Amino acid sequence: MRAIVQSTLSPKPGQATTYQRVEQPEDYSRPWAIVRLLPDLRHYTVARFFNRQDAEDHRRFLHRYMPASEFQVVFDVPNSREPEDQT
C-alpha cells in the first residue's frame, strides 16, 4: 500500500503531472477581485477581497513573484439579481 501511495505522489522523470482545477462559486460578499489577464481576451479570477486596499496589496505581491503575468483589480458585482415574484 505504501508503495502505491509513494508512486502516486512522486512523479517519474519525464512524466507530466496534471493539476485539477477546482471551481468555487463566486462570493459576492467580497466584491473586489484580482483577475489574471490571459491571451484571447480571457481572464481568471485569482482571489476576492472585502476591500480594495487588500486587493491592491495582494496584486503587488503577485506581480513581484510572477512578473510576466498581468493582473488587474476589479470591482465585480453580480450582473442581475434573481427576479422577485410579483404576484
C-alpha atoms as a PDB file:
ATOM      1  CA  MET A   1       0.000   0.000   0.000  1.00  0.00           C
ATOM      2  CA  ARG A   2       2.811   2.411   0.889  1.00  0.00           C
ATOM      3  CA  ALA A   3       4.463   1.825  -2.500  1.00  0.00           C
ATOM      4  CA  ILE A   4       1.252   2.735  -4.327  1.00  0.00           C
ATOM      5  CA  VAL A   5       0.876   5.987  -2.405  1.00  0.00           C
ATOM      6  CA  GLN A   6       4.546   6.908  -2.909  1.00  0.00           C
ATOM      7  CA  SER A   7       4.419   6.169  -6.645  1.00  0.00           C
ATOM      8  CA  THR A   8       1.328   8.344  -6.946  1.00  0.00           C
ATOM      9  CA  LEU A   9       2.801  11.262  -5.002  1.00  0.00           C
ATOM     10  CA  SER A  10       6.241  11.306  -6.632  1.00  0.00           C
ATOM     11  CA  PRO A  11       6.131  11.635 -10.444  1.00  0.00           C
ATOM     12  CA  LYS A  12       8.709   9.827 -12.517  1.00  0.00           C
ATOM     13  CA  PRO A  13      11.218  11.873 -14.567  1.00  0.00           C
ATOM     14  CA  GLY A  14       9.722  12.910 -17.886  1.00  0.00           C
ATOM     15  CA  GLN A  15       6.203  12.159 -16.709  1.00  0.00           C
ATOM     16  CA  ALA A  16       3.790  15.071 -16.877  1.00  0.00           C
ATOM     17  CA  THR A  17       1.685  15.828 -13.865  1.00  0.00           C
ATOM     18  CA  THR A  18      -1.802  17.179 -14.209  1.00  0.00           C
ATOM     19  CA  TYR A  19      -3.479  19.573 -11.844  1.00  0.00           C
ATOM     20  CA  GLN A  20      -7.189  19.500 -11.214  1.00  0.00           C
ATOM     21  CA  ARG A  21      -8.747  22.936 -11.277  1.00  0.00           C
ATOM     22  CA  VAL A  22     -11.398  23.462  -8.635  1.00  0.00           C
ATOM     23  CA  GLU A  23     -14.185  25.903  -9.445  1.00  0.00           C
ATOM     24  CA  GLN A  24     -15.816  27.603  -6.499  1.00  0.00           C
ATOM     25  CA  PRO A  25     -18.986  29.656  -6.619  1.00  0.00           C
ATOM     26  CA  GLU A  26     -18.493  33.401  -6.835  1.00  0.00           C
ATOM     27  CA  ASP A  27     -18.584  35.061  -3.418  1.00  0.00           C
ATOM     28  CA  TYR A  28     -20.155  38.464  -3.992  1.00  0.00           C
ATOM     29  CA  SER A  29     -19.772  39.414  -0.325  1.00  0.00           C
ATOM     30  CA  ARG A  30     -16.177  40.106  -1.413  1.00  0.00           C
ATOM     31  CA  PRO A  31     -16.667  42.399  -4.411  1.00  0.00           C
ATOM     32  CA  TRP A  32     -13.017  43.315  -5.049  1.00  0.00           C
ATOM     33  CA  ALA A  33     -11.340  40.694  -7.216  1.00  0.00           C
ATOM     34  CA  ILE A  34      -7.912  40.148  -8.731  1.00  0.00           C
ATOM     35  CA  VAL A  35      -8.122  38.777 -12.240  1.00  0.00           C
ATOM     36  CA  ARG A  36      -5.266  37.398 -14.272  1.00  0.00           C
ATOM     37  CA  LEU A  37      -5.461  38.541 -17.866  1.00  0.00           C
ATOM     38  CA  LEU A  38      -4.919  35.682 -20.309  1.00  0.00           C
ATOM     39  CA  PRO A  39      -4.491  35.592 -24.100  1.00  0.00           C
ATOM     40  CA  ASP A  40      -7.529  35.829 -26.383  1.00  0.00           C
ATOM     41  CA  LEU A  41      -9.353  38.221 -24.024  1.00  0.00           C
ATOM     42  CA  ARG A  42      -9.798  35.545 -21.373  1.00  0.00           C
ATOM     43  CA  HIS A  43      -9.442  36.105 -17.632  1.00  0.00           C
ATOM     44  CA  TYR A  44      -9.198  34.032 -14.469  1.00  0.00           C
ATOM     45  CA  THR A  45     -10.307  35.232 -11.032  1.00  0.00           C
ATOM     46  CA  VAL A  46      -7.368  34.657  -8.698  1.00  0.00           C
ATOM     47  CA  ALA A  47      -8.762  35.921  -5.384  1.00  0.00           C
ATOM     48  CA  ARG A  48     -11.556  38.012  -3.878  1.00  0.00           C
ATOM     49  CA  PHE A  49     -11.356  40.619  -1.100  1.00  0.00           C
ATOM     50  CA  PHE A  50     -13.607  42.718   1.126  1.00  0.00           C
ATOM     51  CA  ASN A  51     -11.751  45.964   0.407  1.00  0.00           C
ATOM     52  CA  ARG A  52      -9.705  47.455  -2.394  1.00  0.00           C
ATOM     53  CA  GLN A  53      -6.541  48.042  -0.357  1.00  0.00           C
ATOM     54  CA  ASP A  54      -6.183  44.336   0.452  1.00  0.00           C
ATOM     55  CA  ALA A  55      -6.687  43.502  -3.225  1.00  0.00           C
ATOM     56  CA  GLU A  56      -4.054  46.042  -4.341  1.00  0.00           C
ATOM     57  CA  ASP A  57      -1.551  44.731  -1.769  1.00  0.00           C
ATOM     58  CA  HIS A  58      -2.061  41.162  -2.949  1.00  0.00           C
ATOM     59  CA  ARG A  59      -1.771  42.236  -6.609  1.00  0.00           C
ATOM     60  CA  ARG A  60       1.624  43.828  -5.840  1.00  0.00           C
ATOM     61  CA  PHE A  61       2.705  40.590  -4.152  1.00  0.00           C
ATOM     62  CA  LEU A  62       1.638  38.544  -7.196  1.00  0.00           C
ATOM     63  CA  HIS A  63       3.412  40.923  -9.581  1.00  0.00           C
ATOM     64  CA  ARG A  64       6.618  40.626  -7.552  1.00  0.00           C
ATOM     65  CA  TYR A  65       6.629  36.817  -7.783  1.00  0.00           C
ATOM     66  CA  MET A  66       5.064  36.459 -11.239  1.00  0.00           C
ATOM     67  CA  PRO A  67       6.358  39.473 -13.206  1.00  0.00           C
ATOM     68  CA  ALA A  68       5.485  38.014 -16.617  1.00  0.00           C
ATOM     69  CA  SER A  69       1.793  37.714 -15.699  1.00  0.00           C
ATOM     70  CA  GLU A  70      -0.651  40.600 -15.863  1.00  0.00           C
ATOM     71  CA  PHE A  71      -3.126  41.141 -13.027  1.00  0.00           C
ATOM     72  CA  GLN A  72      -5.872  43.728 -12.532  1.00  0.00           C
ATOM     73  CA  VAL A  73      -8.008  44.649  -9.544  1.00  0.00           C
ATOM     74  CA  VAL A  74     -11.689  44.923 -10.451  1.00  0.00           C
ATOM     75  CA  PHE A  75     -14.912  45.689  -8.602  1.00  0.00           C
ATOM     76  CA  ASP A  76     -17.064  42.691  -9.514  1.00  0.00           C
ATOM     77  CA  VAL A  77     -20.755  42.645  -8.612  1.00  0.00           C
ATOM     78  CA  PRO A  78     -23.461  40.302  -9.900  1.00  0.00           C
ATOM     79  CA  ASN A  79     -24.956  41.230 -13.271  1.00  0.00           C
ATOM     80  CA  SER A  80     -28.535  40.895 -12.115  1.00  0.00           C
ATOM     81  CA  ARG A  81     -30.445  39.707  -9.121  1.00  0.00           C
ATOM     82  CA  GLU A  82     -32.935  36.874  -9.138  1.00  0.00           C
ATOM     83  CA  PRO A  83     -36.291  38.175 -10.365  1.00  0.00           C
ATOM     84  CA  GLU A  84     -38.652  38.637  -7.459  1.00  0.00           C
ATOM     85  CA  ASP A  85     -42.038  37.000  -7.592  1.00  0.00           C
ATOM     86  CA  GLN A  86     -44.524  39.817  -8.174  1.00  0.00           C
ATOM     87  CA  THR A  87     -47.982  38.353  -7.653  1.00  0.00           C
END
